[in-house]
Amino acid sequence: MVGRIPVRNLWLLMLYASRLYRELRPAQRASAEENPDEIADLAAEILTHAVDLRLRRNLSFAFQSTSGDLRRVRGSIDLLRTERRQLLRRGRVACRFEVLTVDTQRNRFVRAALQHLARVVRRGELVSRCTAADARLERAGVSSDPALGHPRGRQAVVAELRGRMDPEDRRMMAAAELSFSLALPTESVGGTYLASPDRDEIWARRLFEAAVGGFYDVVLSPDGWTTRPGSQYSWPVEHGTPGLRELMPKMEMDIVLDLRDAEHPSRDRRFVIDTKFTSILTSGRFRREVLRSGYIYQIYSYLRSQETASDPLSRRATGMLLHPAVEGDVYESGVIQGHEVRFATVNLAASSRAIRERLLSVVSEEGAVAR
């Protein structure tokens, strides 16, 4: 249980939310979905294999700024240090220059991930492989960065690490990122403090949102769908006072799915999905349950405010509120002023196969009929 939400396996949500899910081959993806408890082992296998490949083909290099007191000029001269330490009298000059090195932030991040996985994987053979890969990186000249052992230290460098990279590095970095997500919040005493999901709704909602977006991005893209998570839109204000536009908040849609078929425009579709990690129903008058009105206003505002003449999809987009199931599955739909609106739940206590089929069914033409 996460709060009032029954969840069978948080590993599955973490897999869907990870970049590694996008990098897996179809057979690996299917195996991971069927056995989500073994995701740590899968991440270790992929990471150690990718490290072995990079070591055989040379690790990625990068220029790194450094300085030193040299006997000849290299790069730019640090005049202040040169004069302060009277280096010229000793035949030296202070310089700032760049060197090409394998001791990059990216490689240090991978080494930290190997050290972390060696403590969480189950199979002894994988522990040995992680330890051996870590030692090989150290011998290659990659240092250990203590800051990467702390969540805040990792968050500060993750955005920088997601630059351009070749396929081997991309898969290696995706596995490294997922390995750090495998530290689940628990009540047990440990070395790292994390938010407990039953006390931090934001943590759980973001994981659920990222998992749904990651799943649709991977599974629907072969059929021509594009997935835009966390898209921000402005209110279509007209004839406003000078300061109003700056004061208006942005609208952030959790997930937008688009299907555009140049050969068959009639197939074009748009889904605007808003995910919440709460019950989709609430108590109404006379003790009967009703849909939460605030969420209905929210999805209605998303749909109607973004209608434009230049974008036909915006005028017939389908909106969907997607919640975890609490006391039973819900799937209802109707048309409100030209827009279909769906209200759906997914049972996170079900098997991985049932979760997959449910996520596909709620965006299908047939509604709740599994694809």
Protein backbone atom coordinates (compact mmCIF):
# COMPACT_ATOMS: atom_id res chain seq x y z
CA MET A 1 0.00 0.00 0.00
CA VAL A 2 1.13 3.54 -0.78
CA GLY A 3 -1.22 5.60 1.35
CA ARG A 4 -4.66 4.29 0.37
CA ILE A 5 -3.47 3.09 -3.05
CA PRO A 6 -2.83 -0.66 -3.36
CA VAL A 7 0.40 -1.19 -5.32
CA ARG A 8 1.74 -4.64 -6.11
CA ASN A 9 5.19 -3.66 -7.28
CA LEU A 10 6.82 -0.22 -7.34
CA TRP A 11 9.69 -1.67 -9.37
CA LEU A 12 7.38 -1.90 -12.42
CA LEU A 13 6.50 1.80 -12.19
CA MET A 14 10.18 2.65 -11.82
CA LEU A 15 10.98 0.57 -14.91
CA TYR A 16 8.33 2.35 -16.99
CA ALA A 17 9.55 5.73 -15.74
CA SER A 18 13.22 5.02 -16.49
CA ARG A 19 15.19 5.85 -19.62
CA LEU A 20 16.43 2.26 -19.58
CA TYR A 21 12.95 1.04 -20.56
CA ARG A 22 13.34 2.99 -23.81
CA GLU A 23 16.74 1.44 -24.48
CA LEU A 24 15.82 -2.21 -23.93
CA ARG A 25 15.27 -4.61 -26.79
CA PRO A 26 11.68 -5.93 -27.06
CA ALA A 27 12.62 -9.33 -25.58
CA GLN A 28 14.40 -7.69 -22.63
CA ARG A 29 11.47 -5.35 -22.13
CA ALA A 30 8.96 -8.18 -22.00
CA SER A 31 11.14 -10.15 -19.57
CA ALA A 32 11.56 -7.15 -17.27
CA GLU A 33 7.80 -6.48 -17.23
CA GLU A 34 7.05 -10.08 -16.32
CA ASN A 35 9.70 -10.15 -13.58
CA PRO A 36 9.87 -6.61 -12.14
CA ASP A 37 11.52 -7.86 -8.94
CA GLU A 38 14.64 -8.63 -11.00
CA ILE A 39 15.04 -5.10 -12.40
CA ALA A 40 18.12 -4.47 -10.25
CA ASP A 41 19.78 -7.56 -11.72
CA LEU A 42 18.78 -6.48 -15.23
CA ALA A 43 20.24 -3.01 -14.69
CA ALA A 44 23.47 -4.59 -13.38
CA GLU A 45 23.73 -6.93 -16.39
CA ILE A 46 23.22 -4.11 -18.88
CA LEU A 47 25.54 -1.71 -17.05
CA THR A 48 28.43 -4.16 -16.64
CA HIS A 49 28.10 -5.28 -20.28
CA ALA A 50 28.08 -1.67 -21.49
CA VAL A 51 31.14 -0.84 -19.35
CA ASP A 52 32.99 -3.84 -20.78
CA LEU A 53 32.22 -2.64 -24.32
CA ARG A 54 33.38 0.90 -23.57
CA LEU A 55 36.61 -0.31 -21.98
CA ARG A 56 37.33 -2.47 -25.05
CA ARG A 57 36.60 0.40 -27.45
CA ASN A 58 37.97 3.15 -25.19
CA LEU A 59 35.97 5.14 -22.70
CA SER A 60 34.46 8.46 -23.69
CA PHE A 61 36.91 11.36 -23.32
CA ALA A 62 36.20 15.00 -22.51
CA PHE A 63 38.18 18.15 -21.97
CA GLN A 64 38.57 19.18 -18.37
CA SER A 65 39.83 22.53 -17.06
CA THR A 66 42.86 22.35 -14.78
CA SER A 67 45.77 24.47 -13.65
CA GLY A 68 49.39 24.04 -12.66
CA ASP A 69 52.80 25.62 -12.24
CA LEU A 70 54.66 24.65 -15.41
CA ARG A 71 58.12 25.19 -16.92
CA ARG A 72 56.55 26.32 -20.20
CA VAL A 73 53.41 28.22 -21.11
CA ARG A 74 50.35 26.10 -21.75
CA GLY A 75 46.89 27.56 -22.28
CA SER A 76 46.46 30.93 -20.51
CA ILE A 77 48.77 32.46 -17.91
CA ASP A 78 47.51 33.12 -14.37
CA LEU A 79 49.36 36.40 -13.81
CA LEU A 80 48.17 36.91 -10.23
CA ARG A 81 49.37 33.50 -9.05
CA THR A 82 52.61 33.81 -11.00
CA GLU A 83 53.46 37.14 -9.38
CA ARG A 84 52.19 36.25 -5.89
CA ARG A 85 54.35 33.11 -5.71
CA GLN A 86 57.32 34.62 -7.59
CA LEU A 87 57.25 31.64 -9.95
CA LEU A 88 59.34 33.30 -12.69
CA ARG A 89 62.37 33.35 -10.38
CA ARG A 90 62.13 29.56 -10.21
CA GLY A 91 61.67 29.16 -13.95
CA ARG A 92 57.94 28.42 -13.71
CA VAL A 93 54.68 30.04 -14.76
CA ALA A 94 51.13 29.46 -13.47
CA CYS A 95 48.83 28.33 -16.30
CA ARG A 96 45.20 27.39 -16.81
CA PHE A 97 44.63 24.82 -19.52
CA GLU A 98 42.42 21.93 -20.61
CA VAL A 99 43.36 18.28 -20.76
CA LEU A 100 41.66 15.37 -22.51
CA THR A 101 40.74 12.80 -19.89
CA VAL A 102 38.54 9.78 -19.18
CA ASP A 103 37.95 11.06 -15.65
CA THR A 104 34.69 12.70 -16.71
CA GLN A 105 31.53 13.34 -14.75
CA ARG A 106 29.73 10.75 -16.88
CA ASN A 107 32.27 8.00 -16.20
CA ARG A 108 32.39 8.84 -12.49
CA PHE A 109 28.58 8.59 -12.41
CA VAL A 110 28.78 5.11 -13.96
CA ARG A 111 31.37 4.04 -11.42
CA ALA A 112 29.16 5.26 -8.55
CA ALA A 113 26.25 3.27 -10.03
CA LEU A 114 28.36 0.10 -10.12
CA GLN A 115 29.28 0.56 -6.48
CA HIS A 116 25.61 1.04 -5.61
CA LEU A 117 24.43 -1.99 -7.59
CA ALA A 118 27.05 -4.20 -5.95
CA ARG A 119 25.13 -3.62 -2.69
CA VAL A 120 21.60 -4.26 -4.00
CA VAL A 121 21.75 -7.04 -6.61
CA ARG A 122 20.79 -10.55 -5.52
CA ARG A 123 23.05 -12.84 -7.54
CA GLY A 124 26.59 -13.30 -6.32
CA GLU A 125 27.90 -13.50 -9.88
CA LEU A 126 26.51 -10.02 -10.61
CA VAL A 127 28.06 -8.61 -7.43
CA SER A 128 31.43 -9.86 -8.67
CA ARG A 129 30.85 -8.38 -12.14
CA CYS A 130 29.94 -4.98 -10.67
CA THR A 131 32.99 -5.01 -8.40
CA ALA A 132 35.28 -6.06 -11.25
CA ALA A 133 33.90 -3.37 -13.60
CA ASP A 134 34.37 -0.77 -10.87
CA ALA A 135 38.01 -1.82 -10.41
CA ARG A 136 38.65 -1.71 -14.16
CA LEU A 137 37.30 1.83 -14.37
CA GLU A 138 39.57 2.84 -11.49
CA ARG A 139 42.59 1.36 -13.29
CA ALA A 140 41.57 3.19 -16.46
CA GLY A 141 41.82 6.49 -14.59
CA VAL A 142 38.23 7.15 -13.50
CA SER A 143 38.12 8.50 -9.96
CA SER A 144 35.47 7.93 -7.32
CA ASP A 145 33.27 10.95 -6.57
CA PRO A 146 31.85 10.87 -3.00
CA ALA A 147 29.23 13.50 -3.91
CA LEU A 148 27.54 11.03 -6.26
CA GLY A 149 26.79 8.79 -3.30
CA HIS A 150 24.21 11.32 -2.11
CA PRO A 151 20.90 12.01 -3.92
CA ARG A 152 21.48 15.77 -3.99
CA GLY A 153 24.91 15.30 -5.53
CA ARG A 154 23.45 13.10 -8.28
CA GLN A 155 20.59 15.47 -9.05
CA ALA A 156 23.07 18.27 -9.63
CA VAL A 157 24.83 16.38 -12.43
CA VAL A 158 22.08 14.29 -14.07
CA ALA A 159 20.90 17.12 -16.36
CA GLU A 160 24.49 17.73 -17.48
CA LEU A 161 25.00 14.03 -18.20
CA ARG A 162 22.07 13.83 -20.63
CA GLY A 163 23.91 15.31 -23.57
CA ARG A 164 24.68 13.77 -26.94
CA MET A 165 26.16 10.29 -26.72
CA ASP A 166 26.56 7.16 -28.80
CA PRO A 167 24.18 4.16 -28.30
CA GLU A 168 26.55 2.28 -25.95
CA ASP A 169 26.90 5.32 -23.69
CA ARG A 170 23.16 6.00 -23.84
CA ARG A 171 22.26 2.52 -22.61
CA MET A 172 25.03 2.60 -20.01
CA MET A 173 23.81 5.93 -18.62
CA ALA A 174 20.17 4.79 -18.61
CA ALA A 175 21.09 1.70 -16.58
CA ALA A 176 23.18 3.84 -14.20
CA GLU A 177 20.29 6.26 -13.64
CA LEU A 178 17.83 3.45 -12.95
CA SER A 179 20.22 1.81 -10.48
CA PHE A 180 19.99 4.83 -8.18
CA SER A 181 16.17 4.82 -8.38
CA LEU A 182 16.15 1.33 -6.90
CA ALA A 183 16.59 2.72 -3.38
CA LEU A 184 12.91 2.48 -2.43
CA PRO A 185 11.63 4.52 0.51
CA THR A 186 10.98 2.24 3.50
CA GLU A 187 10.64 2.46 7.27
CA SER A 188 13.84 0.46 7.75
CA VAL A 189 16.95 2.12 9.07
CA GLY A 190 19.41 2.85 6.30
CA GLY A 191 22.15 5.20 5.23
CA THR A 192 20.00 7.43 3.01
CA TYR A 193 16.96 9.48 3.94
CA LEU A 194 14.15 9.47 1.40
CA ALA A 195 10.52 10.59 1.40
CA SER A 196 8.12 7.88 2.48
CA PRO A 197 5.54 7.52 -0.32
CA ASP A 198 2.57 7.19 2.02
CA ARG A 199 3.50 10.58 3.49
CA ASP A 200 4.63 12.31 0.29
CA GLU A 201 1.92 12.30 -2.34
CA ILE A 202 4.10 14.35 -4.68
CA TRP A 203 6.73 11.57 -4.88
CA ALA A 204 4.12 8.93 -5.71
CA ARG A 205 2.23 11.08 -8.20
CA ARG A 206 5.39 12.01 -10.08
CA LEU A 207 6.44 8.37 -10.29
CA PHE A 208 3.00 7.36 -11.57
CA GLU A 209 2.98 10.20 -14.11
CA ALA A 210 6.49 9.38 -15.33
CA ALA A 211 5.66 5.66 -15.55
CA VAL A 212 2.53 6.26 -17.64
CA GLY A 213 4.36 8.69 -19.93
CA GLY A 214 7.33 6.35 -20.33
CA PHE A 215 5.09 3.38 -21.09
CA TYR A 216 3.14 5.20 -23.80
CA ASP A 217 6.31 6.67 -25.29
CA VAL A 218 7.81 3.21 -25.81
CA VAL A 219 4.75 1.12 -26.64
CA LEU A 220 2.81 3.54 -28.88
CA SER A 221 5.69 5.15 -30.80
CA PRO A 222 5.99 2.23 -33.31
CA ASP A 223 2.39 3.00 -34.34
CA GLY A 224 3.22 6.64 -35.07
CA TRP A 225 2.27 8.23 -31.74
CA THR A 226 4.37 10.97 -30.18
CA THR A 227 4.41 11.51 -26.42
CA ARG A 228 4.92 14.92 -24.81
CA PRO A 229 5.20 14.74 -21.02
CA GLY A 230 4.92 17.86 -18.88
CA SER A 231 3.87 20.18 -21.73
CA GLN A 232 3.25 23.77 -20.69
CA TYR A 233 0.64 26.00 -22.30
CA SER A 234 -0.48 29.59 -21.81
CA TRP A 235 -4.01 30.81 -21.28
CA PRO A 236 -5.35 32.39 -24.51
CA VAL A 237 -5.76 35.85 -23.00
CA GLU A 238 -7.03 38.60 -25.31
CA HIS A 239 -7.33 42.33 -24.62
CA GLY A 240 -5.70 41.92 -21.22
CA THR A 241 -4.21 44.66 -19.10
CA PRO A 242 -0.43 45.14 -19.49
CA GLY A 243 0.54 43.12 -16.43
CA LEU A 244 -1.99 40.31 -16.68
CA ARG A 245 -0.04 38.03 -19.01
CA GLU A 246 2.89 37.86 -16.58
CA LEU A 247 0.58 37.10 -13.67
CA MET A 248 -1.30 34.26 -15.39
CA PRO A 249 0.05 30.84 -14.35
CA LYS A 250 1.05 28.27 -16.94
CA MET A 251 -1.08 25.21 -17.56
CA GLU A 252 0.99 22.02 -17.38
CA MET A 253 -0.52 18.95 -18.98
CA ASP A 254 0.91 15.73 -17.61
CA ILE A 255 0.93 13.76 -20.89
CA VAL A 256 -0.13 14.68 -24.43
CA LEU A 257 -0.34 11.88 -27.02
CA ASP A 258 -0.54 12.80 -30.72
CA LEU A 259 -1.14 10.57 -33.72
CA ARG A 260 -0.69 12.25 -37.11
CA ASP A 261 -1.03 10.17 -40.28
CA ALA A 262 -0.28 12.14 -43.44
CA GLU A 263 -1.77 9.41 -45.66
CA HIS A 264 -4.92 8.94 -43.55
CA PRO A 265 -5.72 12.22 -41.75
CA SER A 266 -8.96 10.70 -40.43
CA ARG A 267 -6.81 8.59 -38.08
CA ASP A 268 -5.29 11.69 -36.45
CA ARG A 269 -5.97 11.79 -32.74
CA ARG A 270 -4.89 13.61 -29.58
CA PHE A 271 -5.12 12.51 -25.97
CA VAL A 272 -4.63 14.93 -23.10
CA ILE A 273 -4.00 12.80 -20.01
CA ASP A 274 -3.98 14.10 -16.47
CA THR A 275 -2.69 11.64 -13.87
CA LYS A 276 -3.47 11.78 -10.17
CA PHE A 277 -2.32 9.48 -7.37
CA THR A 278 -5.60 9.61 -5.48
CA SER A 279 -9.01 7.97 -5.70
CA ILE A 280 -10.96 9.13 -8.74
CA LEU A 281 -14.16 9.17 -6.65
CA THR A 282 -15.16 11.12 -3.58
CA SER A 283 -18.16 11.14 -1.27
CA GLY A 284 -21.11 13.11 -2.57
CA ARG A 285 -24.42 14.00 -1.05
CA PHE A 286 -26.60 11.21 0.30
CA ARG A 287 -23.50 8.97 0.77
CA ARG A 288 -23.07 8.15 -2.92
CA GLU A 289 -19.71 8.44 -4.65
CA VAL A 290 -19.12 10.95 -7.43
CA LEU A 291 -16.23 12.02 -9.64
CA ARG A 292 -14.09 14.78 -8.16
CA SER A 293 -15.40 18.04 -9.60
CA GLY A 294 -12.09 19.90 -9.35
CA TYR A 295 -10.40 17.40 -11.63
CA ILE A 296 -13.24 17.63 -14.16
CA TYR A 297 -12.88 21.43 -14.27
CA GLN A 298 -9.14 20.98 -14.78
CA ILE A 299 -9.34 18.62 -17.76
CA TYR A 300 -12.18 20.69 -19.25
CA SER A 301 -10.03 23.82 -19.02
CA TYR A 302 -7.10 22.06 -20.68
CA LEU A 303 -9.25 20.98 -23.63
CA ARG A 304 -11.30 24.11 -24.28
CA SER A 305 -8.59 26.72 -23.65
CA GLN A 306 -6.24 25.23 -26.24
CA GLU A 307 -8.68 25.12 -29.15
CA THR A 308 -7.25 26.94 -32.18
CA ALA A 309 -8.35 27.21 -35.79
CA SER A 310 -4.86 26.30 -37.01
CA ASP A 311 -4.76 22.96 -35.16
CA PRO A 312 -7.70 20.67 -36.03
CA LEU A 313 -6.63 18.14 -33.38
CA SER A 314 -7.07 20.72 -30.64
CA ARG A 315 -10.78 21.04 -31.45
CA ARG A 316 -11.51 17.33 -31.10
CA ALA A 317 -8.91 16.20 -28.56
CA THR A 318 -9.87 13.53 -26.05
CA GLY A 319 -9.24 14.24 -22.40
CA MET A 320 -8.64 11.56 -19.79
CA LEU A 321 -8.32 11.52 -16.03
CA LEU A 322 -6.20 8.49 -15.14
CA HIS A 323 -6.04 7.39 -11.49
CA PRO A 324 -4.92 4.26 -9.65
CA ALA A 325 -7.81 2.00 -8.65
CA VAL A 326 -8.64 2.15 -4.93
CA GLU A 327 -11.78 0.13 -4.27
CA GLY A 328 -12.62 -0.97 -7.80
CA ASP A 329 -11.98 -0.19 -11.45
CA VAL A 330 -13.71 2.76 -13.09
CA TYR A 331 -14.09 3.42 -16.80
CA GLU A 332 -16.64 5.99 -17.91
CA SER A 333 -16.68 8.35 -20.87
CA GLY A 334 -18.85 11.01 -22.45
CA VAL A 335 -18.73 13.98 -24.82
CA ILE A 336 -18.68 17.47 -23.31
CA GLN A 337 -19.03 20.31 -25.84
CA GLY A 338 -17.38 18.38 -28.64
CA HIS A 339 -14.62 16.74 -26.61
CA GLU A 340 -14.70 13.14 -25.44
CA VAL A 341 -13.68 12.90 -21.79
CA ARG A 342 -12.70 9.58 -20.22
CA PHE A 343 -12.48 8.78 -16.53
CA ALA A 344 -10.36 5.68 -15.98
CA THR A 345 -8.44 3.82 -13.31
CA VAL A 346 -5.64 1.27 -13.49
CA ASN A 347 -5.27 -1.39 -10.82
CA LEU A 348 -1.65 -1.17 -9.67
CA ALA A 349 -2.19 -4.24 -7.49
CA ALA A 350 -2.78 -6.37 -10.60
CA SER A 351 -0.17 -8.34 -12.55
CA SER A 352 2.22 -6.51 -14.87
CA ARG A 353 0.40 -7.99 -17.87
CA ALA A 354 -2.97 -6.70 -16.61
CA ILE A 355 -1.50 -3.23 -15.99
CA ARG A 356 -0.06 -3.16 -19.50
CA GLU A 357 -3.36 -4.23 -21.09
CA ARG A 358 -5.30 -1.68 -19.06
CA LEU A 359 -3.01 1.21 -20.05
CA LEU A 360 -3.44 0.24 -23.70
CA SER A 361 -7.19 -0.25 -23.49
CA VAL A 362 -7.98 3.17 -22.04
CA VAL A 363 -6.42 4.93 -25.08
CA SER A 364 -7.83 2.56 -27.70
CA GLU A 365 -10.63 3.40 -30.11
CA GLU A 366 -12.82 0.88 -28.31
CA GLY A 367 -12.24 2.48 -24.92
CA ALA A 368 -12.04 -0.25 -22.31
CA VAL A 369 -11.59 -3.08 -24.81
CA ALA A 370 -8.02 -4.43 -24.55
CA ARG A 371 -5.86 -4.06 -27.63
